[in-house]
Amino acid sequence: MEIGIAFGSGGSRGIAHILMVEALEELGLKASVVSGSSIGAIGAAFYAAGIDSKEMREILDELVNPKSDSIFDFLLRSDVIKLLTMFDPQIIKSGLIKGEKFLKFLSERIPARTFKELKIPCYITATDFWSKKEIVFDSGELIPAVKASYSIPGLFTPVEYQGKVLIDGGAVNPLPYDLIKNKCDLTIAIDVTASNNVDNKEMPATLDSVFSTFQIMQISIIREKLKHTKPDIYIKPQIKDIRLFDFAKTDLIFAQALKAKEKLKRELENHLNRKKN
């Protein structure tokens, strides 16, 4: 049985993707095709390059280490978070961060420069800013495609690539299981968009409001997609009280995503048993 995994967008909640990879490994399974959007594009690229969950955890540890030379080190500092929330989006020209350090970090740890060098097919989605359309990458250079896919508007500078101005893939397709549904026997979609937090009545800070609105839009897109076409297995970890850039809260994210990992294992086992019978 050929398995496909769609890694969704969701900022720091995308850390939960690692547990979903672990679920497959613990059952002795491997995906034969993957897709990814935003943080999910990073996960998809690592997986397609042959990086296992243990190595992913090690790379994540490097990112959240205060001494790491990465964009997340910049975002994790409390003074920077306060500074970000003080900015008015109208005065930000194209993005607060170019993200070159994080791009270098990725390039050094993903053992593939092109899609052709990956061990399994990988589909990465980005958004053409001017045409407002989805752009799907499955060939050519890998890293520029990944960077385009996670370029959240207002935070990261848009990516100029192949004659287009590209932004976060989550703007058009935050859970791209449709890209691989016809390329495998079993499609798994991992939705790491925000969970409901109805108890919070606080007024959001300016950029918090902007980024959360972007996430609300993504949730709406996924909800409408699911009405028309469904993956074989849909998993949504219930991760609460985690902001878009709470990468320092790795342990909390893992703890909250454990139930989803076990659910994925159960559903996979059910599908395997049905196939045997």
C-alpha atoms as a PDB file:
ATOM      1  CA  MET A   1       0.000   0.000   0.000  1.00  0.00           C
ATOM      2  CA  GLU A   2       1.429   3.361  -1.055  1.00  0.00           C
ATOM      3  CA  ILE A   3       0.973   6.067   1.575  1.00  0.00           C
ATOM      4  CA  GLY A   4       0.943   9.815   1.014  1.00  0.00           C
ATOM      5  CA  ILE A   5       1.267  12.456   3.736  1.00  0.00           C
ATOM      6  CA  ALA A   6       0.213  16.099   3.505  1.00  0.00           C
ATOM      7  CA  PHE A   7       1.974  18.261   6.104  1.00  0.00           C
ATOM      8  CA  GLY A   8      -0.139  21.336   6.823  1.00  0.00           C
ATOM      9  CA  SER A   9       0.689  24.904   7.776  1.00  0.00           C
ATOM     10  CA  GLY A  10       0.382  26.216  11.324  1.00  0.00           C
ATOM     11  CA  GLY A  11       3.582  27.886  12.506  1.00  0.00           C
ATOM     12  CA  SER A  12       5.126  26.404  15.643  1.00  0.00           C
ATOM     13  CA  ARG A  13       2.327  23.841  15.896  1.00  0.00           C
ATOM     14  CA  GLY A  14       4.018  22.212  12.896  1.00  0.00           C
ATOM     15  CA  ILE A  15       6.449  20.727  15.406  1.00  0.00           C
ATOM     16  CA  ALA A  16       3.718  18.100  15.853  1.00  0.00           C
ATOM     17  CA  HIS A  17       4.478  16.800  12.362  1.00  0.00           C
ATOM     18  CA  ILE A  18       7.493  15.042  13.859  1.00  0.00           C
ATOM     19  CA  LEU A  19       5.238  12.906  16.057  1.00  0.00           C
ATOM     20  CA  MET A  20       3.185  11.902  13.032  1.00  0.00           C
ATOM     21  CA  VAL A  21       6.361  10.744  11.287  1.00  0.00           C
ATOM     22  CA  GLU A  22       7.179   8.762  14.438  1.00  0.00           C
ATOM     23  CA  ALA A  23       3.766   7.096  14.241  1.00  0.00           C
ATOM     24  CA  LEU A  24       4.544   5.710  10.796  1.00  0.00           C
ATOM     25  CA  GLU A  25       8.027   4.619  11.837  1.00  0.00           C
ATOM     26  CA  GLU A  26       6.712   2.753  14.880  1.00  0.00           C
ATOM     27  CA  LEU A  27       4.423   0.783  12.564  1.00  0.00           C
ATOM     28  CA  GLY A  28       7.260   0.106  10.133  1.00  0.00           C
ATOM     29  CA  LEU A  29       5.651   2.261   7.435  1.00  0.00           C
ATOM     30  CA  LYS A  30       7.073   4.803   5.014  1.00  0.00           C
ATOM     31  CA  ALA A  31       5.316   7.308   2.823  1.00  0.00           C
ATOM     32  CA  SER A  32       5.876   7.094  -0.928  1.00  0.00           C
ATOM     33  CA  VAL A  33       4.861  10.704  -1.634  1.00  0.00           C
ATOM     34  CA  VAL A  34       4.496  13.884   0.448  1.00  0.00           C
ATOM     35  CA  SER A  35       3.206  17.415   0.128  1.00  0.00           C
ATOM     36  CA  GLY A  36       3.608  20.442   2.335  1.00  0.00           C
ATOM     37  CA  SER A  37       2.544  24.019   2.919  1.00  0.00           C
ATOM     38  CA  SER A  38       4.369  26.660   4.987  1.00  0.00           C
ATOM     39  CA  ILE A  39       5.895  24.918   8.066  1.00  0.00           C
ATOM     40  CA  GLY A  40       4.623  21.724   6.466  1.00  0.00           C
ATOM     41  CA  ALA A  41       6.794  22.394   3.427  1.00  0.00           C
ATOM     42  CA  ILE A  42       9.826  22.211   5.704  1.00  0.00           C
ATOM     43  CA  GLY A  43       8.606  18.919   7.168  1.00  0.00           C
ATOM     44  CA  ALA A  44       7.853  17.525   3.708  1.00  0.00           C
ATOM     45  CA  ALA A  45      11.303  18.471   2.396  1.00  0.00           C
ATOM     46  CA  PHE A  46      13.063  16.834   5.349  1.00  0.00           C
ATOM     47  CA  TYR A  47      10.970  13.676   5.072  1.00  0.00           C
ATOM     48  CA  ALA A  48      11.375  13.422   1.309  1.00  0.00           C
ATOM     49  CA  ALA A  49      15.148  13.821   1.728  1.00  0.00           C
ATOM     50  CA  GLY A  50      15.235  10.764   3.984  1.00  0.00           C
ATOM     51  CA  ILE A  51      15.503  12.506   7.365  1.00  0.00           C
ATOM     52  CA  ASP A  52      13.870  10.361  10.080  1.00  0.00           C
ATOM     53  CA  SER A  53      12.022  11.592  13.178  1.00  0.00           C
ATOM     54  CA  LYS A  54      15.057  11.217  15.430  1.00  0.00           C
ATOM     55  CA  GLU A  55      17.119  13.467  13.178  1.00  0.00           C
ATOM     56  CA  MET A  56      14.207  15.901  12.932  1.00  0.00           C
ATOM     57  CA  ARG A  57      14.130  16.163  16.718  1.00  0.00           C
ATOM     58  CA  GLU A  58      17.874  16.835  16.771  1.00  0.00           C
ATOM     59  CA  ILE A  59      17.516  19.576  14.153  1.00  0.00           C
ATOM     60  CA  LEU A  60      14.639  21.088  16.124  1.00  0.00           C
ATOM     61  CA  ASP A  61      16.811  21.103  19.253  1.00  0.00           C
ATOM     62  CA  GLU A  62      19.372  23.139  17.333  1.00  0.00           C
ATOM     63  CA  LEU A  63      16.711  25.639  16.331  1.00  0.00           C
ATOM     64  CA  VAL A  64      15.330  26.232  19.805  1.00  0.00           C
ATOM     65  CA  ASN A  65      18.768  26.352  21.412  1.00  0.00           C
ATOM     66  CA  PRO A  66      19.417  29.996  22.439  1.00  0.00           C
ATOM     67  CA  LYS A  67      22.876  29.788  20.865  1.00  0.00           C
ATOM     68  CA  SER A  68      21.589  28.672  17.476  1.00  0.00           C
ATOM     69  CA  ASP A  69      22.165  31.046  14.580  1.00  0.00           C
ATOM     70  CA  SER A  70      18.647  30.815  13.195  1.00  0.00           C
ATOM     71  CA  ILE A  71      15.601  32.923  12.537  1.00  0.00           C
ATOM     72  CA  PHE A  72      13.814  31.133  15.361  1.00  0.00           C
ATOM     73  CA  ASP A  73      16.472  32.327  17.796  1.00  0.00           C
ATOM     74  CA  PHE A  74      15.493  35.849  16.753  1.00  0.00           C
ATOM     75  CA  LEU A  75      11.770  35.189  17.126  1.00  0.00           C
ATOM     76  CA  LEU A  76      12.071  33.395  20.464  1.00  0.00           C
ATOM     77  CA  ARG A  77      13.514  36.392  22.305  1.00  0.00           C
ATOM     78  CA  SER A  78      10.801  38.041  24.389  1.00  0.00           C
ATOM     79  CA  ASP A  79      12.012  41.549  23.577  1.00  0.00           C
ATOM     80  CA  VAL A  80      11.626  40.830  19.869  1.00  0.00           C
ATOM     81  CA  ILE A  81       8.106  39.463  20.349  1.00  0.00           C
ATOM     82  CA  LYS A  82       7.205  42.683  22.178  1.00  0.00           C
ATOM     83  CA  LEU A  83       8.753  44.730  19.373  1.00  0.00           C
ATOM     84  CA  LEU A  84       6.807  42.808  16.719  1.00  0.00           C
ATOM     85  CA  THR A  85       3.494  43.434  18.478  1.00  0.00           C
ATOM     86  CA  MET A  86       4.229  47.184  18.638  1.00  0.00           C
ATOM     87  CA  PHE A  87       4.535  47.572  14.868  1.00  0.00           C
ATOM     88  CA  ASP A  88       1.630  48.778  12.798  1.00  0.00           C
ATOM     89  CA  PRO A  89       1.385  46.574   9.664  1.00  0.00           C
ATOM     90  CA  GLN A  90       0.883  49.680   7.490  1.00  0.00           C
ATOM     91  CA  ILE A  91       4.446  50.838   8.086  1.00  0.00           C
ATOM     92  CA  ILE A  92       6.037  47.490   7.216  1.00  0.00           C
ATOM     93  CA  LYS A  93       6.997  47.687   3.572  1.00  0.00           C
ATOM     94  CA  SER A  94       7.465  44.049   2.520  1.00  0.00           C
ATOM     95  CA  GLY A  95       8.353  42.016   5.599  1.00  0.00           C
ATOM     96  CA  LEU A  96      10.262  42.377   8.832  1.00  0.00           C
ATOM     97  CA  ILE A  97      12.680  39.560   8.110  1.00  0.00           C
ATOM     98  CA  LYS A  98      14.540  38.359   5.035  1.00  0.00           C
ATOM     99  CA  GLY A  99      15.238  35.028   6.721  1.00  0.00           C
ATOM    100  CA  GLU A 100      18.636  34.399   5.130  1.00  0.00           C
ATOM    101  CA  LYS A 101      20.107  32.801   8.278  1.00  0.00           C
ATOM    102  CA  PHE A 102      17.312  30.285   8.559  1.00  0.00           C
ATOM    103  CA  LEU A 103      17.546  29.569   4.837  1.00  0.00           C
ATOM    104  CA  LYS A 104      21.254  28.808   5.273  1.00  0.00           C
ATOM    105  CA  PHE A 105      20.396  26.578   8.243  1.00  0.00           C
ATOM    106  CA  LEU A 106      17.941  24.590   6.113  1.00  0.00           C
ATOM    107  CA  SER A 107      20.344  24.323   3.199  1.00  0.00           C
ATOM    108  CA  GLU A 108      23.011  22.841   5.451  1.00  0.00           C
ATOM    109  CA  ARG A 109      20.684  20.179   6.872  1.00  0.00           C
ATOM    110  CA  ILE A 110      18.580  19.085   3.924  1.00  0.00           C
ATOM    111  CA  PRO A 111      20.786  16.742   1.844  1.00  0.00           C
ATOM    112  CA  ALA A 112      19.197  17.739  -1.469  1.00  0.00           C
ATOM    113  CA  ARG A 113      19.471  20.822  -3.628  1.00  0.00           C
ATOM    114  CA  THR A 114      16.798  19.881  -6.128  1.00  0.00           C
ATOM    115  CA  PHE A 115      13.510  17.973  -6.108  1.00  0.00           C
ATOM    116  CA  LYS A 116      15.157  15.359  -8.312  1.00  0.00           C
ATOM    117  CA  GLU A 117      17.652  14.550  -5.543  1.00  0.00           C
ATOM    118  CA  LEU A 118      14.883  13.725  -3.054  1.00  0.00           C
ATOM    119  CA  LYS A 119      14.218  10.085  -2.208  1.00  0.00           C
ATOM    120  CA  ILE A 120      10.463  10.323  -2.765  1.00  0.00           C
ATOM    121  CA  PRO A 121       8.258  12.750  -4.752  1.00  0.00           C
ATOM    122  CA  CYS A 122       7.483  15.965  -2.940  1.00  0.00           C
ATOM    123  CA  TYR A 123       4.952  18.683  -3.765  1.00  0.00           C
ATOM    124  CA  ILE A 124       5.318  22.112  -2.184  1.00  0.00           C
ATOM    125  CA  THR A 125       2.745  24.841  -2.496  1.00  0.00           C
ATOM    126  CA  ALA A 126       3.252  28.608  -2.508  1.00  0.00           C
ATOM    127  CA  THR A 127       1.082  31.571  -3.485  1.00  0.00           C
ATOM    128  CA  ASP A 128       1.659  33.886  -6.445  1.00  0.00           C
ATOM    129  CA  PHE A 129       1.039  37.262  -4.828  1.00  0.00           C
ATOM    130  CA  TRP A 130      -0.019  39.117  -7.952  1.00  0.00           C
ATOM    131  CA  SER A 131      -2.117  36.458  -9.676  1.00  0.00           C
ATOM    132  CA  LYS A 132      -3.565  35.276  -6.316  1.00  0.00           C
ATOM    133  CA  LYS A 133      -3.109  31.670  -7.506  1.00  0.00           C
ATOM    134  CA  GLU A 134      -1.512  28.537  -6.062  1.00  0.00           C
ATOM    135  CA  ILE A 135       1.908  27.583  -7.415  1.00  0.00           C
ATOM    136  CA  VAL A 136       2.954  23.959  -6.953  1.00  0.00           C
ATOM    137  CA  PHE A 137       6.627  23.020  -7.033  1.00  0.00           C
ATOM    138  CA  ASP A 138       7.729  19.451  -7.727  1.00  0.00           C
ATOM    139  CA  SER A 139      10.857  20.040  -9.807  1.00  0.00           C
ATOM    140  CA  GLY A 140      13.798  22.409  -9.980  1.00  0.00           C
ATOM    141  CA  GLU A 141      15.507  23.924  -6.946  1.00  0.00           C
ATOM    142  CA  LEU A 142      14.166  22.776  -3.589  1.00  0.00           C
ATOM    143  CA  ILE A 143      15.198  25.441  -1.082  1.00  0.00           C
ATOM    144  CA  PRO A 144      13.686  28.474  -2.899  1.00  0.00           C
ATOM    145  CA  ALA A 145      10.383  26.594  -3.125  1.00  0.00           C
ATOM    146  CA  VAL A 146      10.453  25.810   0.597  1.00  0.00           C
ATOM    147  CA  LYS A 147      11.311  29.403   1.458  1.00  0.00           C
ATOM    148  CA  ALA A 148       8.462  30.721  -0.683  1.00  0.00           C
ATOM    149  CA  SER A 149       6.050  28.330   0.999  1.00  0.00           C
ATOM    150  CA  TYR A 150       6.797  29.569   4.536  1.00  0.00           C
ATOM    151  CA  SER A 151       7.032  33.296   3.719  1.00  0.00           C
ATOM    152  CA  ILE A 152       4.238  34.540   5.975  1.00  0.00           C
ATOM    153  CA  PRO A 153       3.011  37.940   4.742  1.00  0.00           C
ATOM    154  CA  GLY A 154       4.091  40.820   6.932  1.00  0.00           C
ATOM    155  CA  LEU A 155       6.848  38.843   8.624  1.00  0.00           C
ATOM    156  CA  PHE A 156       9.019  37.375   5.872  1.00  0.00           C
ATOM    157  CA  THR A 157       9.994  39.207   2.718  1.00  0.00           C
ATOM    158  CA  PRO A 158       8.201  37.695  -0.315  1.00  0.00           C
ATOM    159  CA  VAL A 159      10.348  35.479  -2.519  1.00  0.00           C
ATOM    160  CA  GLU A 160      11.147  36.444  -6.098  1.00  0.00           C
ATOM    161  CA  TYR A 161      11.517  33.163  -7.970  1.00  0.00           C
ATOM    162  CA  GLN A 162      10.913  32.063 -11.557  1.00  0.00           C
ATOM    163  CA  GLY A 163       9.605  35.499 -12.479  1.00  0.00           C
ATOM    164  CA  LYS A 164       6.986  35.521  -9.717  1.00  0.00           C
ATOM    165  CA  VAL A 165       6.543  37.177  -6.333  1.00  0.00           C
ATOM    166  CA  LEU A 166       5.673  34.350  -3.940  1.00  0.00           C
ATOM    167  CA  ILE A 167       4.262  34.244  -0.414  1.00  0.00           C
ATOM    168  CA  ASP A 168       3.150  31.601   2.090  1.00  0.00           C
ATOM    169  CA  GLY A 169       1.410  28.574   0.583  1.00  0.00           C
ATOM    170  CA  GLY A 170      -1.078  28.632   3.432  1.00  0.00           C
ATOM    171  CA  ALA A 171      -2.783  31.619   1.813  1.00  0.00           C
ATOM    172  CA  VAL A 172      -4.304  29.318  -0.820  1.00  0.00           C
ATOM    173  CA  ASN A 173      -3.738  25.720   0.299  1.00  0.00           C
ATOM    174  CA  PRO A 174      -2.859  25.233   3.970  1.00  0.00           C
ATOM    175  CA  LEU A 175      -3.404  21.449   3.853  1.00  0.00           C
ATOM    176  CA  PRO A 176      -2.409  20.224   0.375  1.00  0.00           C
ATOM    177  CA  TYR A 177      -3.654  16.629   0.467  1.00  0.00           C
ATOM    178  CA  ASP A 178      -5.372  17.224  -2.877  1.00  0.00           C
ATOM    179  CA  LEU A 179      -1.947  17.390  -4.536  1.00  0.00           C
ATOM    180  CA  ILE A 180      -1.174  13.755  -3.687  1.00  0.00           C
ATOM    181  CA  LYS A 181      -4.606  12.131  -3.381  1.00  0.00           C
ATOM    182  CA  ASN A 182      -4.359  10.488  -6.804  1.00  0.00           C
ATOM    183  CA  LYS A 183      -0.703   9.513  -6.372  1.00  0.00           C
ATOM    184  CA  CYS A 184      -1.097   6.978  -3.543  1.00  0.00           C
ATOM    185  CA  ASP A 185      -3.488   4.393  -2.104  1.00  0.00           C
ATOM    186  CA  LEU A 186      -3.896   6.052   1.286  1.00  0.00           C
ATOM    187  CA  THR A 187      -3.792   9.789   1.909  1.00  0.00           C
ATOM    188  CA  ILE A 188      -2.994  11.196   5.367  1.00  0.00           C
ATOM    189  CA  ALA A 189      -3.615  14.890   6.064  1.00  0.00           C
ATOM    190  CA  ILE A 190      -2.036  16.470   9.154  1.00  0.00           C
ATOM    191  CA  ASP A 191      -3.861  19.682  10.053  1.00  0.00           C
ATOM    192  CA  VAL A 192      -1.909  21.809  12.554  1.00  0.00           C
ATOM    193  CA  THR A 193      -3.930  24.997  12.275  1.00  0.00           C
ATOM    194  CA  ALA A 194      -4.989  26.620  15.529  1.00  0.00           C
ATOM    195  CA  SER A 195      -7.508  24.963  17.823  1.00  0.00           C
ATOM    196  CA  ASN A 196     -10.437  26.904  19.304  1.00  0.00           C
ATOM    197  CA  ASN A 197      -9.623  29.038  22.312  1.00  0.00           C
ATOM    198  CA  VAL A 198     -13.048  30.395  23.211  1.00  0.00           C
ATOM    199  CA  ASP A 199     -12.078  31.191  26.819  1.00  0.00           C
ATOM    200  CA  ASN A 200      -9.682  33.949  25.825  1.00  0.00           C
ATOM    201  CA  LYS A 201     -11.376  37.360  25.793  1.00  0.00           C
ATOM    202  CA  GLU A 202      -8.254  39.548  25.609  1.00  0.00           C
ATOM    203  CA  MET A 203      -7.805  42.207  22.954  1.00  0.00           C
ATOM    204  CA  PRO A 204      -5.008  40.950  20.619  1.00  0.00           C
ATOM    205  CA  ALA A 205      -1.904  42.997  19.896  1.00  0.00           C
ATOM    206  CA  THR A 206      -1.594  44.436  16.393  1.00  0.00           C
ATOM    207  CA  LEU A 207       0.564  41.834  14.658  1.00  0.00           C
ATOM    208  CA  ASP A 208      -0.958  39.078  16.760  1.00  0.00           C
ATOM    209  CA  SER A 209      -4.271  40.110  15.250  1.00  0.00           C
ATOM    210  CA  VAL A 210      -2.841  40.066  11.714  1.00  0.00           C
ATOM    211  CA  PHE A 211      -1.238  36.638  12.040  1.00  0.00           C
ATOM    212  CA  SER A 212      -4.264  35.154  13.797  1.00  0.00           C
ATOM    213  CA  THR A 213      -6.523  36.441  11.035  1.00  0.00           C
ATOM    214  CA  PHE A 214      -4.293  34.647   8.537  1.00  0.00           C
ATOM    215  CA  GLN A 215      -4.779  31.456  10.562  1.00  0.00           C
ATOM    216  CA  ILE A 216      -8.570  31.947  10.678  1.00  0.00           C
ATOM    217  CA  MET A 217      -8.521  32.181   6.890  1.00  0.00           C
ATOM    218  CA  GLN A 218      -6.557  28.925   6.666  1.00  0.00           C
ATOM    219  CA  ILE A 219      -9.038  27.126   8.917  1.00  0.00           C
ATOM    220  CA  SER A 220     -11.878  28.313   6.676  1.00  0.00           C
ATOM    221  CA  ILE A 221     -10.106  27.070   3.548  1.00  0.00           C
ATOM    222  CA  ILE A 222      -9.565  23.620   5.066  1.00  0.00           C
ATOM    223  CA  ARG A 223     -13.150  23.428   6.301  1.00  0.00           C
ATOM    224  CA  GLU A 224     -14.468  24.113   2.787  1.00  0.00           C
ATOM    225  CA  LYS A 225     -12.032  21.657   1.179  1.00  0.00           C
ATOM    226  CA  LEU A 226     -13.166  18.882   3.481  1.00  0.00           C
ATOM    227  CA  LYS A 227     -16.761  19.394   2.331  1.00  0.00           C
ATOM    228  CA  HIS A 228     -15.801  18.508  -1.235  1.00  0.00           C
ATOM    229  CA  THR A 229     -12.953  16.023  -0.994  1.00  0.00           C
ATOM    230  CA  LYS A 230     -11.569  14.190   2.016  1.00  0.00           C
ATOM    231  CA  PRO A 231      -8.269  12.463   2.758  1.00  0.00           C
ATOM    232  CA  ASP A 232      -8.447   8.829   3.864  1.00  0.00           C
ATOM    233  CA  ILE A 233      -7.088   9.829   7.280  1.00  0.00           C
ATOM    234  CA  TYR A 234      -7.529  13.325   8.704  1.00  0.00           C
ATOM    235  CA  ILE A 235      -5.575  14.163  11.863  1.00  0.00           C
ATOM    236  CA  LYS A 236      -5.841  17.442  13.741  1.00  0.00           C
ATOM    237  CA  PRO A 237      -3.792  17.623  16.958  1.00  0.00           C
ATOM    238  CA  GLN A 238      -5.623  19.674  19.586  1.00  0.00           C
ATOM    239  CA  ILE A 239      -2.864  22.135  20.404  1.00  0.00           C
ATOM    240  CA  LYS A 240      -3.969  25.106  22.488  1.00  0.00           C
ATOM    241  CA  ASP A 241      -2.320  28.201  23.951  1.00  0.00           C
ATOM    242  CA  ILE A 242       0.424  28.092  21.320  1.00  0.00           C
ATOM    243  CA  ARG A 243       1.069  31.183  19.239  1.00  0.00           C
ATOM    244  CA  LEU A 244       2.397  31.136  15.704  1.00  0.00           C
ATOM    245  CA  PHE A 245       6.024  31.567  16.828  1.00  0.00           C
ATOM    246  CA  ASP A 246       6.062  29.637  20.111  1.00  0.00           C
ATOM    247  CA  PHE A 247       8.861  27.356  18.942  1.00  0.00           C
ATOM    248  CA  ALA A 248      10.356  27.419  22.438  1.00  0.00           C
ATOM    249  CA  LYS A 249       7.319  25.486  23.724  1.00  0.00           C
ATOM    250  CA  THR A 250       8.427  22.253  22.073  1.00  0.00           C
ATOM    251  CA  ASP A 251       7.637  20.038  25.068  1.00  0.00           C
ATOM    252  CA  LEU A 252       4.124  21.452  25.425  1.00  0.00           C
ATOM    253  CA  ILE A 253       3.420  20.979  21.708  1.00  0.00           C
ATOM    254  CA  PHE A 254       4.672  17.380  21.792  1.00  0.00           C
ATOM    255  CA  ALA A 255       2.634  16.635  24.933  1.00  0.00           C
ATOM    256  CA  GLN A 256      -0.579  17.956  23.386  1.00  0.00           C
ATOM    257  CA  ALA A 257       0.039  16.142  20.083  1.00  0.00           C
ATOM    258  CA  LEU A 258       0.532  12.693  21.634  1.00  0.00           C
ATOM    259  CA  LYS A 259      -3.176  11.821  21.407  1.00  0.00           C
ATOM    260  CA  ALA A 260      -3.165  12.666  17.718  1.00  0.00           C
ATOM    261  CA  LYS A 261      -0.122  10.457  17.199  1.00  0.00           C
ATOM    262  CA  GLU A 262      -1.901   7.515  18.812  1.00  0.00           C
ATOM    263  CA  LYS A 263      -5.021   8.217  16.781  1.00  0.00           C
ATOM    264  CA  LEU A 264      -2.983   8.133  13.578  1.00  0.00           C
ATOM    265  CA  LYS A 265      -1.468   4.789  14.572  1.00  0.00           C
ATOM    266  CA  ARG A 266      -4.909   3.319  15.293  1.00  0.00           C
ATOM    267  CA  GLU A 267      -6.337   4.522  12.003  1.00  0.00           C
ATOM    268  CA  LEU A 268      -3.362   3.229  10.057  1.00  0.00           C
ATOM    269  CA  GLU A 269      -3.660  -0.154  11.740  1.00  0.00           C
ATOM    270  CA  ASN A 270      -7.363  -0.259  10.877  1.00  0.00           C
ATOM    271  CA  HIS A 271      -6.640   0.477   7.223  1.00  0.00           C
ATOM    272  CA  LEU A 272      -3.913  -2.173   7.133  1.00  0.00           C
ATOM    273  CA  ASN A 273      -6.188  -4.765   8.725  1.00  0.00           C
ATOM    274  CA  ARG A 274      -8.992  -4.023   6.273  1.00  0.00           C
ATOM    275  CA  LYS A 275      -6.567  -4.471   3.395  1.00  0.00           C
ATOM    276  CA  LYS A 276      -5.436  -7.867   4.733  1.00  0.00           C
ATOM    277  CA  ASN A 277      -9.005  -9.049   5.108  1.00  0.00           C
END
